[in-house]
Amino acid sequence: YKAVLRCLTAMEQFDVVTVSSPCTPFITAGRHDPSDPRIQLTFNGLHMAVALSPTAIVFENVPSLLQHAGGATWRKCLAILRDAGYHVQHNENVDAQQLVPQRRRRLILIATKRGTARSLDFGAAVAELTSRPTVTLKQTSPAWDGYYFHQNRGSGGQCLYSLDGVSPPLRTNCGT
């Protein structure tokens, strides 16, 4: 963590830093274990972003992060950003299929340095995003043809999905 941060701070100033930590500790299919070590990756990512002092920080994860550990995880995320002088806006109901070919909701947080000349109309940004057409697998993988195969590692369930649609979240496990 510290070695990566040293390398990054030696670079020029960043305008925007994105943080997308593992969602596994927070997903509804997970155990919601408050001691899961992957949770620290979320905090480390936000600390690193703050240390780089960009104008804006974009954080993405699953909406259920808001309820993890009774909301304590989310409050800590907010505190990291607010204590560093960032104004925080978020929306926990962003439809990912306007960005990637997956059928799932995402939590998007945008933190901007207080006192920056330009403010962000987050509501308008979400509205514009959700007005976009759905992204299909065929659009993202034009060399593919027909269908793609998914096998659930746990149950062994198998499914075929059309490339003309979006992929269901992996937690649907092929309907098993």
Protein backbone atom coordinates (compact mmCIF):
# COMPACT_ATOMS: atom_id res chain seq x y z
CA TYR A 1 0.00 0.00 0.00
CA LYS A 2 2.64 2.54 1.06
CA ALA A 3 4.99 1.64 -1.82
CA VAL A 4 2.19 2.08 -4.36
CA LEU A 5 1.22 5.39 -2.77
CA ARG A 6 4.84 6.62 -2.98
CA CYS A 7 4.96 5.78 -6.70
CA LEU A 8 1.65 7.49 -7.37
CA THR A 9 2.46 10.65 -5.44
CA ALA A 10 5.68 10.98 -7.46
CA MET A 11 3.51 11.38 -10.56
CA GLU A 12 1.75 14.55 -11.59
CA GLN A 13 -1.42 15.77 -9.91
CA PHE A 14 -4.53 13.66 -10.52
CA ASP A 15 -7.86 15.26 -11.44
CA VAL A 16 -9.98 12.18 -10.72
CA VAL A 17 -9.23 8.98 -8.83
CA THR A 18 -11.59 6.01 -8.94
CA VAL A 19 -11.92 3.40 -6.21
CA SER A 20 -13.68 0.10 -6.80
CA SER A 21 -12.94 -2.33 -3.99
CA PRO A 22 -14.10 -5.97 -3.83
CA CYS A 23 -17.85 -6.21 -3.26
CA THR A 24 -17.76 -9.77 -1.88
CA PRO A 25 -17.87 -8.76 1.81
CA PHE A 26 -20.97 -6.64 1.17
CA ILE A 27 -23.13 -8.62 -1.28
CA THR A 28 -26.45 -10.04 -0.13
CA ALA A 29 -25.26 -13.57 -0.89
CA GLY A 30 -22.22 -13.05 1.34
CA ARG A 31 -21.78 -13.68 5.04
CA HIS A 32 -21.52 -9.96 5.94
CA ASP A 33 -18.59 -10.81 8.21
CA PRO A 34 -17.45 -7.51 9.79
CA SER A 35 -13.94 -8.96 10.19
CA ASP A 36 -13.52 -9.92 6.50
CA PRO A 37 -10.02 -8.63 5.61
CA ARG A 38 -11.21 -7.49 2.16
CA ILE A 39 -13.17 -4.70 3.86
CA GLN A 40 -9.84 -3.04 4.63
CA LEU A 41 -9.21 -2.76 0.86
CA THR A 42 -12.17 -0.38 0.71
CA PHE A 43 -10.73 1.83 3.43
CA ASN A 44 -7.19 1.62 2.02
CA GLY A 45 -8.45 2.58 -1.44
CA LEU A 46 -10.24 5.63 -0.07
CA HIS A 47 -7.24 6.61 2.08
CA MET A 48 -4.99 6.30 -0.97
CA ALA A 49 -7.36 8.37 -3.09
CA VAL A 50 -7.49 11.10 -0.43
CA ALA A 51 -3.67 11.07 -0.10
CA LEU A 52 -3.40 11.79 -3.84
CA SER A 53 -5.61 14.87 -3.31
CA PRO A 54 -7.51 14.79 -6.61
CA THR A 55 -10.27 17.25 -7.43
CA ALA A 56 -12.76 14.36 -7.46
CA ILE A 57 -12.97 10.79 -6.19
CA VAL A 58 -15.40 8.30 -7.69
CA PHE A 59 -16.22 5.22 -5.61
CA GLU A 60 -18.26 2.26 -6.87
CA ASN A 61 -19.58 -0.80 -5.06
CA VAL A 62 -22.79 -2.69 -4.28
CA PRO A 63 -25.72 -0.88 -2.61
CA SER A 64 -25.72 -3.33 0.31
CA LEU A 65 -22.43 -1.78 1.48
CA LEU A 66 -24.66 0.91 3.02
CA GLN A 67 -26.06 -1.63 5.53
CA HIS A 68 -22.85 -3.60 6.18
CA ALA A 69 -22.04 -3.87 9.91
CA GLY A 70 -25.14 -1.88 10.76
CA GLY A 71 -23.98 0.99 8.54
CA ALA A 72 -20.60 1.35 10.29
CA THR A 73 -18.61 0.50 7.14
CA TRP A 74 -20.44 3.19 5.13
CA ARG A 75 -20.04 5.77 7.90
CA LYS A 76 -16.30 5.09 7.97
CA CYS A 77 -16.09 5.53 4.18
CA LEU A 78 -17.89 8.88 4.46
CA ALA A 79 -15.68 9.97 7.37
CA ILE A 80 -12.47 9.24 5.40
CA LEU A 81 -13.65 11.52 2.59
CA ARG A 82 -15.31 14.25 4.65
CA ASP A 83 -12.43 14.50 7.12
CA ALA A 84 -10.14 15.12 4.13
CA GLY A 85 -12.29 18.04 2.97
CA TYR A 86 -14.45 16.40 0.32
CA HIS A 87 -18.14 17.06 -0.35
CA VAL A 88 -19.83 13.67 -0.86
CA GLN A 89 -22.83 12.76 -3.02
CA HIS A 90 -24.05 9.25 -3.69
CA ASN A 91 -26.77 7.24 -5.37
CA GLU A 92 -27.32 3.61 -4.41
CA ASN A 93 -29.66 2.76 -7.25
CA VAL A 94 -27.62 3.22 -10.43
CA ASP A 95 -28.50 0.65 -13.09
CA ALA A 96 -25.21 -0.86 -14.28
CA GLN A 97 -26.56 -2.07 -17.60
CA GLN A 98 -26.14 1.44 -19.01
CA LEU A 99 -22.38 1.05 -18.40
CA VAL A 100 -21.60 -2.66 -18.70
CA PRO A 101 -23.55 -5.68 -19.92
CA GLN A 102 -24.74 -6.76 -16.47
CA ARG A 103 -28.13 -6.68 -14.79
CA ARG A 104 -27.39 -5.20 -11.38
CA ARG A 105 -27.60 -2.06 -9.30
CA ARG A 106 -24.51 -0.17 -8.17
CA LEU A 107 -23.68 2.33 -5.46
CA ILE A 108 -21.88 5.31 -6.96
CA LEU A 109 -20.29 7.97 -4.78
CA ILE A 110 -18.69 11.14 -6.08
CA ALA A 111 -16.58 13.21 -3.70
CA THR A 112 -15.38 16.65 -4.79
CA LYS A 113 -12.95 18.91 -2.95
CA ARG A 114 -14.75 21.59 -1.03
CA GLY A 115 -14.19 24.98 -2.59
CA THR A 116 -13.67 23.71 -6.12
CA ALA A 117 -15.06 26.14 -8.64
CA ARG A 118 -17.27 23.64 -10.38
CA SER A 119 -20.02 21.72 -8.64
CA LEU A 120 -21.57 18.54 -9.95
CA ASP A 121 -25.28 18.04 -10.46
CA PHE A 122 -25.22 14.38 -9.41
CA GLY A 123 -28.97 13.91 -9.92
CA ALA A 124 -28.69 15.12 -13.52
CA ALA A 125 -25.67 12.87 -14.11
CA VAL A 126 -27.57 9.80 -12.87
CA ALA A 127 -30.62 10.76 -14.97
CA GLU A 128 -28.43 11.10 -18.07
CA LEU A 129 -26.76 7.77 -17.38
CA THR A 130 -30.03 5.90 -16.92
CA SER A 131 -31.42 7.40 -20.14
CA ARG A 132 -28.72 5.64 -22.16
CA PRO A 133 -29.55 2.45 -24.04
CA THR A 134 -28.66 -0.89 -22.49
CA VAL A 135 -25.16 -2.17 -23.25
CA THR A 136 -25.26 -5.73 -24.61
CA LEU A 137 -22.62 -8.45 -24.54
CA LYS A 138 -22.51 -8.38 -28.35
CA GLN A 139 -21.55 -4.69 -28.27
CA THR A 140 -18.70 -5.27 -25.84
CA SER A 141 -17.47 -8.49 -27.48
CA PRO A 142 -18.20 -8.16 -31.23
CA ALA A 143 -16.00 -11.14 -32.14
CA TRP A 144 -18.26 -13.45 -30.15
CA ASP A 145 -21.22 -15.01 -31.87
CA GLY A 146 -24.42 -16.57 -30.55
CA TYR A 147 -24.40 -17.41 -26.83
CA TYR A 148 -22.08 -17.62 -23.89
CA PHE A 149 -21.86 -20.41 -21.33
CA HIS A 150 -21.83 -19.95 -17.56
CA GLN A 151 -21.35 -22.69 -15.01
CA ASN A 152 -21.94 -22.07 -11.32
CA ARG A 153 -18.85 -23.13 -9.41
CA GLY A 154 -20.83 -24.06 -6.31
CA SER A 155 -23.87 -25.94 -7.60
CA GLY A 156 -22.59 -26.92 -11.03
CA GLY A 157 -25.69 -25.36 -12.63
CA GLN A 158 -25.17 -24.48 -16.28
CA CYS A 159 -26.75 -21.77 -18.41
CA LEU A 160 -26.53 -20.32 -21.88
CA TYR A 161 -27.08 -16.59 -22.32
CA SER A 162 -27.72 -14.69 -25.54
CA LEU A 163 -25.15 -12.08 -26.49
CA ASP A 164 -28.04 -9.78 -27.45
CA GLY A 165 -28.90 -9.19 -23.80
CA VAL A 166 -27.22 -8.40 -20.54
CA SER A 167 -25.62 -10.85 -18.16
CA PRO A 168 -27.46 -11.51 -14.92
CA PRO A 169 -25.46 -10.94 -11.75
CA LEU A 170 -23.37 -13.96 -10.91
CA ARG A 171 -25.28 -14.36 -7.65
CA THR A 172 -28.32 -15.58 -9.63
CA ASN A 173 -26.28 -18.75 -10.16
CA CYS A 174 -28.10 -19.91 -13.28
CA GLY A 175 -31.39 -20.04 -11.45
CA THR A 176 -30.07 -22.65 -9.01
